Amino acid sequence: MVIGFFLIILMIVLFLFALKLNGSKSVYQENFNIQHSPLKIGHRGAAGHCPENTVASYKKALELGAEVLEVDIHLSKDDVLVVHHDPTLDRTTSGKGRLRDYTAAELKEFDAGSWYHSRFKNERIPLLSEVFERFRTEAGFLIEIKHPSLYPGIEAKLAEELRKYIGSASFNNPIMVHSFDADSMRRFHLLMPEVQVGVLIKRRINDEALKEIAKFASFLNPKQTILDSKLQLRIQKHGMKVYTWTVNNKKRMRMFEKMKVDGIISDFPDYFSD
């Protein structure tokens, strides 16, 4: 009788402790907290097959089995969220100079496909809203805020955009946000705690830094060259999921799949196991 009473008390204490650990993290679409591992994430769509961050690239990623589309965002001169990787236009478009010096309408005039191959000459820089509308019923999204220090208020702008979709009957796939800038992710988490956020890293990280990130982040995303089982365990001990980028080698892909990381980002979604 006494033992049973103490067991009940112990279970209550453990339950309350678990709530405390998870209270500051996202609870949006909890079914993805227990989904199979790893998520198949198409880097900039299927950047190994198509011009990155274009509608063609995202369509190809889905054809090749991607479950989540990785999307890079910036703000245009007129404060519209646009999908592009670099802060400048020169590498992947017919435009020149800084993206933030152009309005969204001006950016739409540039060719964003011919640099990759002439058959993509009609590709344009998409708006984030266009990507959502086009693919929201087919895939989840992993949104990277690029260079947030260049765009004061971009976190609030993204939260405003996401509120149009989250909770709608036609948007049941996961939405996650990450950045190399941990402060940006902390700001976004305060604005929209129901959305899972993560931090990208490309260098070793100590436990004190992990502890601080775990206060607001649901996942950490180390570069694949620094991720091993020891780092994976350290991240998991702080209650975060483990993603990795950008895995374009089939042998390493199999290794991370065996490690059961939570998500793998690749330019080649066709490299994932069935």
Protein backbone atom coordinates (compact mmCIF):
# COMPACT_ATOMS: atom_id res chain seq x y z
CA MET A 1 0.00 0.00 0.00
CA VAL A 2 2.77 2.42 1.04
CA ILE A 3 4.96 1.35 -1.91
CA GLY A 4 2.08 1.94 -4.31
CA PHE A 5 1.52 5.41 -2.89
CA PHE A 6 5.18 6.35 -3.32
CA LEU A 7 5.19 5.00 -6.89
CA ILE A 8 2.25 7.26 -7.74
CA ILE A 9 4.03 10.26 -6.21
CA LEU A 10 7.20 9.40 -8.16
CA MET A 11 5.26 9.19 -11.44
CA ILE A 12 3.66 12.59 -10.80
CA VAL A 13 7.07 14.16 -10.05
CA LEU A 14 8.58 12.69 -13.22
CA PHE A 15 5.65 13.90 -15.29
CA LEU A 16 5.95 17.45 -13.93
CA PHE A 17 9.71 17.39 -14.55
CA ALA A 18 9.14 16.35 -18.16
CA LEU A 19 6.67 19.19 -18.63
CA LYS A 20 9.23 21.63 -17.28
CA LEU A 21 11.87 20.38 -19.71
CA ASN A 22 9.58 20.69 -22.71
CA GLY A 23 7.67 23.79 -21.70
CA SER A 24 9.90 26.25 -23.54
CA LYS A 25 10.05 24.25 -26.78
CA SER A 26 7.64 24.10 -29.67
CA VAL A 27 4.59 21.86 -29.40
CA TYR A 28 3.54 22.49 -33.02
CA GLN A 29 2.60 19.25 -34.78
CA GLU A 30 3.81 16.91 -32.09
CA ASN A 31 3.38 13.91 -34.38
CA PHE A 32 6.66 14.93 -36.01
CA ASN A 33 8.43 14.59 -32.67
CA ILE A 34 7.99 10.84 -32.98
CA GLN A 35 8.24 10.48 -36.75
CA HIS A 36 10.60 8.07 -38.41
CA SER A 37 14.23 9.03 -38.60
CA PRO A 38 15.66 10.73 -40.55
CA LEU A 39 13.56 13.33 -42.30
CA LYS A 40 14.52 13.56 -45.98
CA ILE A 41 15.28 17.23 -46.53
CA GLY A 42 15.94 18.63 -50.01
CA HIS A 43 18.67 21.28 -49.83
CA ARG A 44 17.46 24.37 -51.69
CA GLY A 45 15.14 21.85 -53.31
CA ALA A 46 17.20 19.41 -55.34
CA ALA A 47 20.22 21.66 -55.89
CA GLY A 48 22.23 18.80 -57.35
CA HIS A 49 19.79 18.53 -60.25
CA CYS A 50 18.30 22.02 -60.75
CA PRO A 51 19.06 25.68 -60.10
CA GLU A 52 18.82 26.12 -56.35
CA ASN A 53 15.88 27.75 -54.58
CA THR A 54 13.64 27.73 -57.66
CA VAL A 55 10.24 26.23 -58.29
CA ALA A 56 11.89 23.70 -60.63
CA SER A 57 14.27 22.65 -57.87
CA TYR A 58 11.48 22.16 -55.32
CA LYS A 59 9.37 20.19 -57.81
CA LYS A 60 12.33 17.92 -58.53
CA ALA A 61 13.03 17.39 -54.83
CA LEU A 62 9.48 16.13 -54.32
CA GLU A 63 9.73 13.86 -57.36
CA LEU A 64 12.86 12.34 -55.81
CA GLY A 65 11.23 11.66 -52.45
CA ALA A 66 12.05 14.69 -50.29
CA GLU A 67 9.65 15.13 -47.36
CA VAL A 68 10.84 18.60 -46.37
CA LEU A 69 12.02 21.47 -48.57
CA GLU A 70 14.90 23.61 -47.30
CA VAL A 71 14.26 27.25 -48.18
CA ASP A 72 16.61 30.24 -47.78
CA ILE A 73 15.04 33.65 -47.24
CA HIS A 74 15.96 37.34 -47.44
CA LEU A 75 13.98 40.59 -47.42
CA SER A 76 13.58 42.70 -50.54
CA LYS A 77 13.83 46.50 -50.56
CA ASP A 78 10.06 46.69 -50.01
CA ASP A 79 10.16 44.16 -47.14
CA VAL A 80 8.87 41.10 -48.99
CA LEU A 81 10.26 37.67 -48.07
CA VAL A 82 12.03 36.21 -51.09
CA VAL A 83 13.68 32.82 -51.61
CA HIS A 84 17.38 33.10 -52.45
CA HIS A 85 20.65 31.92 -50.94
CA ASP A 86 23.24 34.67 -51.31
CA PRO A 87 22.87 38.27 -50.11
CA THR A 88 23.96 39.22 -53.64
CA LEU A 89 22.45 38.28 -57.01
CA ASP A 90 25.50 37.78 -59.19
CA ARG A 91 26.20 34.06 -58.68
CA THR A 92 22.82 32.57 -59.56
CA THR A 93 20.81 35.23 -61.42
CA SER A 94 21.10 37.76 -64.23
CA GLY A 95 20.97 40.51 -61.61
CA LYS A 96 23.87 42.36 -60.05
CA GLY A 97 24.57 43.66 -56.56
CA ARG A 98 22.74 43.28 -53.26
CA LEU A 99 19.35 41.63 -53.15
CA ARG A 100 18.06 44.11 -50.56
CA ASP A 101 18.54 46.98 -53.04
CA TYR A 102 15.72 45.69 -55.25
CA THR A 103 11.96 45.48 -54.77
CA ALA A 104 10.24 42.11 -55.02
CA ALA A 105 8.83 43.07 -58.43
CA GLU A 106 12.29 43.99 -59.70
CA LEU A 107 13.76 40.72 -58.40
CA LYS A 108 11.09 38.76 -60.27
CA GLU A 109 12.45 40.14 -63.56
CA PHE A 110 15.82 38.41 -63.19
CA ASP A 111 16.64 35.04 -64.73
CA ALA A 112 17.45 32.60 -61.93
CA GLY A 113 17.95 29.45 -64.00
CA SER A 114 20.19 29.98 -67.02
CA TRP A 115 23.38 29.99 -64.91
CA TYR A 116 22.69 26.31 -64.22
CA HIS A 117 21.48 25.25 -67.70
CA SER A 118 19.73 26.92 -70.61
CA ARG A 119 16.66 24.71 -70.15
CA PHE A 120 15.94 26.56 -66.89
CA LYS A 121 16.04 30.05 -68.43
CA ASN A 122 12.45 30.83 -67.41
CA GLU A 123 13.04 30.22 -63.70
CA ARG A 124 12.62 33.25 -61.44
CA ILE A 125 13.38 34.16 -57.83
CA PRO A 126 10.25 33.01 -55.98
CA LEU A 127 8.55 34.76 -53.10
CA LEU A 128 8.22 32.71 -49.93
CA SER A 129 4.44 33.05 -50.19
CA GLU A 130 4.57 31.54 -53.68
CA VAL A 131 6.56 28.54 -52.46
CA PHE A 132 4.08 28.01 -49.63
CA GLU A 133 1.08 28.22 -51.94
CA ARG A 134 2.65 25.89 -54.49
CA PHE A 135 3.95 23.15 -52.20
CA ARG A 136 2.20 23.43 -48.82
CA THR A 137 0.08 20.30 -49.31
CA GLU A 138 3.01 18.21 -50.55
CA ALA A 139 5.89 18.83 -48.14
CA GLY A 140 7.13 20.37 -44.94
CA PHE A 141 9.48 23.35 -44.86
CA LEU A 142 12.81 24.04 -43.20
CA ILE A 143 13.30 27.80 -43.52
CA GLU A 144 16.74 29.33 -43.07
CA ILE A 145 16.94 33.02 -42.27
CA LYS A 146 20.05 34.17 -44.12
CA HIS A 147 22.16 36.97 -42.63
CA PRO A 148 19.44 38.28 -40.27
CA SER A 149 21.65 41.19 -39.20
CA LEU A 150 21.16 42.65 -42.71
CA TYR A 151 17.38 42.65 -42.27
CA PRO A 152 16.21 44.09 -38.93
CA GLY A 153 12.74 42.74 -38.21
CA ILE A 154 12.93 39.76 -40.55
CA GLU A 155 11.91 37.43 -37.71
CA ALA A 156 8.67 39.36 -37.17
CA LYS A 157 8.03 39.41 -40.91
CA LEU A 158 8.44 35.63 -41.11
CA ALA A 159 6.18 35.08 -38.10
CA GLU A 160 3.54 37.25 -39.76
CA GLU A 161 3.75 35.17 -42.93
CA LEU A 162 3.63 31.83 -41.12
CA ARG A 163 0.54 32.79 -39.13
CA LYS A 164 -1.38 32.81 -42.41
CA TYR A 165 -0.76 29.09 -42.81
CA ILE A 166 -0.14 27.37 -39.50
CA GLY A 167 -3.22 25.68 -38.20
CA SER A 168 -5.05 25.76 -41.53
CA ALA A 169 -6.65 22.55 -42.74
CA SER A 170 -4.53 22.60 -45.90
CA PHE A 171 -1.20 22.88 -44.08
CA ASN A 172 -0.55 19.76 -42.03
CA ASN A 173 3.17 19.34 -42.76
CA PRO A 174 5.91 20.51 -40.41
CA ILE A 175 7.38 24.01 -40.53
CA MET A 176 10.76 24.60 -38.92
CA VAL A 177 13.05 27.63 -38.87
CA HIS A 178 16.80 27.74 -38.38
CA SER A 179 19.80 30.02 -38.78
CA PHE A 180 23.49 30.28 -37.97
CA ASP A 181 22.50 33.26 -35.82
CA ALA A 182 21.38 31.92 -32.44
CA ASP A 183 20.16 35.36 -31.32
CA SER A 184 17.87 35.51 -34.34
CA MET A 185 16.41 32.14 -33.44
CA ARG A 186 15.89 33.24 -29.85
CA ARG A 187 13.98 36.29 -31.10
CA PHE A 188 11.88 34.20 -33.46
CA HIS A 189 11.10 31.68 -30.71
CA LEU A 190 9.74 34.47 -28.52
CA LEU A 191 7.53 35.65 -31.38
CA MET A 192 6.29 32.21 -32.37
CA PRO A 193 7.03 29.52 -29.74
CA GLU A 194 4.72 27.03 -31.49
CA VAL A 195 7.23 26.66 -34.35
CA GLN A 196 10.33 24.53 -33.88
CA VAL A 197 13.59 26.43 -34.26
CA GLY A 198 17.16 25.24 -34.62
CA VAL A 199 20.71 26.52 -34.88
CA LEU A 200 23.20 25.67 -37.63
CA ILE A 201 26.82 25.16 -36.60
CA LYS A 202 30.00 24.37 -38.50
CA ARG A 203 32.47 24.28 -35.63
CA ARG A 204 32.76 22.31 -32.41
CA ILE A 205 30.53 23.47 -29.59
CA ASN A 206 30.92 23.17 -25.82
CA ASP A 207 28.30 21.99 -23.37
CA GLU A 208 27.68 25.46 -21.96
CA ALA A 209 26.73 26.73 -25.43
CA LEU A 210 24.54 23.66 -25.99
CA LYS A 211 22.77 24.33 -22.71
CA GLU A 212 22.01 27.92 -23.72
CA ILE A 213 20.73 26.94 -27.18
CA ALA A 214 18.56 24.20 -25.69
CA LYS A 215 16.59 26.84 -23.76
CA PHE A 216 14.79 27.82 -26.98
CA ALA A 217 15.83 25.43 -29.76
CA SER A 218 14.27 22.08 -30.62
CA PHE A 219 17.14 20.93 -32.82
CA LEU A 220 20.79 21.56 -33.65
CA ASN A 221 22.08 21.26 -37.20
CA PRO A 222 25.85 20.55 -37.32
CA LYS A 223 27.78 20.46 -40.59
CA GLN A 224 28.21 16.82 -41.58
CA THR A 225 32.02 17.05 -41.32
CA ILE A 226 31.87 17.63 -37.55
CA LEU A 227 28.99 15.32 -36.66
CA ASP A 228 29.86 12.03 -34.98
CA SER A 229 28.11 9.82 -32.45
CA LYS A 230 29.67 11.66 -29.51
CA LEU A 231 28.36 15.03 -30.62
CA GLN A 232 25.01 13.45 -31.43
CA LEU A 233 24.69 12.12 -27.87
CA ARG A 234 25.73 15.45 -26.37
CA ILE A 235 23.06 17.26 -28.35
CA GLN A 236 20.42 14.68 -27.46
CA LYS A 237 21.32 14.89 -23.76
CA HIS A 238 20.24 18.53 -23.90
CA GLY A 239 16.85 17.49 -25.28
CA MET A 240 17.39 18.56 -28.89
CA LYS A 241 17.01 16.70 -32.17
CA VAL A 242 19.99 16.26 -34.50
CA TYR A 243 19.96 17.28 -38.17
CA THR A 244 22.99 17.53 -40.45
CA TRP A 245 23.98 19.29 -43.70
CA THR A 246 24.84 18.98 -46.61
CA VAL A 247 25.28 15.24 -47.21
CA ASN A 248 26.03 14.54 -50.88
CA ASN A 249 27.90 11.27 -50.51
CA LYS A 250 25.95 8.00 -50.46
CA LYS A 251 28.33 6.28 -48.06
CA ARG A 252 28.04 9.09 -45.52
CA MET A 253 24.29 9.17 -46.08
CA ARG A 254 24.07 5.51 -45.04
CA MET A 255 26.27 6.23 -42.01
CA PHE A 256 23.98 9.02 -40.76
CA GLU A 257 20.92 6.91 -41.43
CA LYS A 258 22.41 4.16 -39.25
CA MET A 259 23.15 6.74 -36.56
CA LYS A 260 19.42 7.56 -36.67
CA VAL A 261 19.85 11.30 -36.79
CA ASP A 262 16.53 13.12 -37.03
CA GLY A 263 17.05 14.77 -40.39
CA ILE A 264 19.52 14.78 -43.28
CA ILE A 265 19.83 17.68 -45.73
CA SER A 266 21.08 16.83 -49.21
CA ASP A 267 21.34 18.33 -52.69
CA PHE A 268 20.44 14.86 -53.96
CA PRO A 269 17.15 13.61 -52.45
CA ASP A 270 17.50 10.51 -54.65
CA TYR A 271 20.42 9.43 -52.41
CA PHE A 272 18.10 8.75 -49.49
CA SER A 273 17.14 5.16 -48.71
CA ASP A 274 13.60 4.15 -49.65
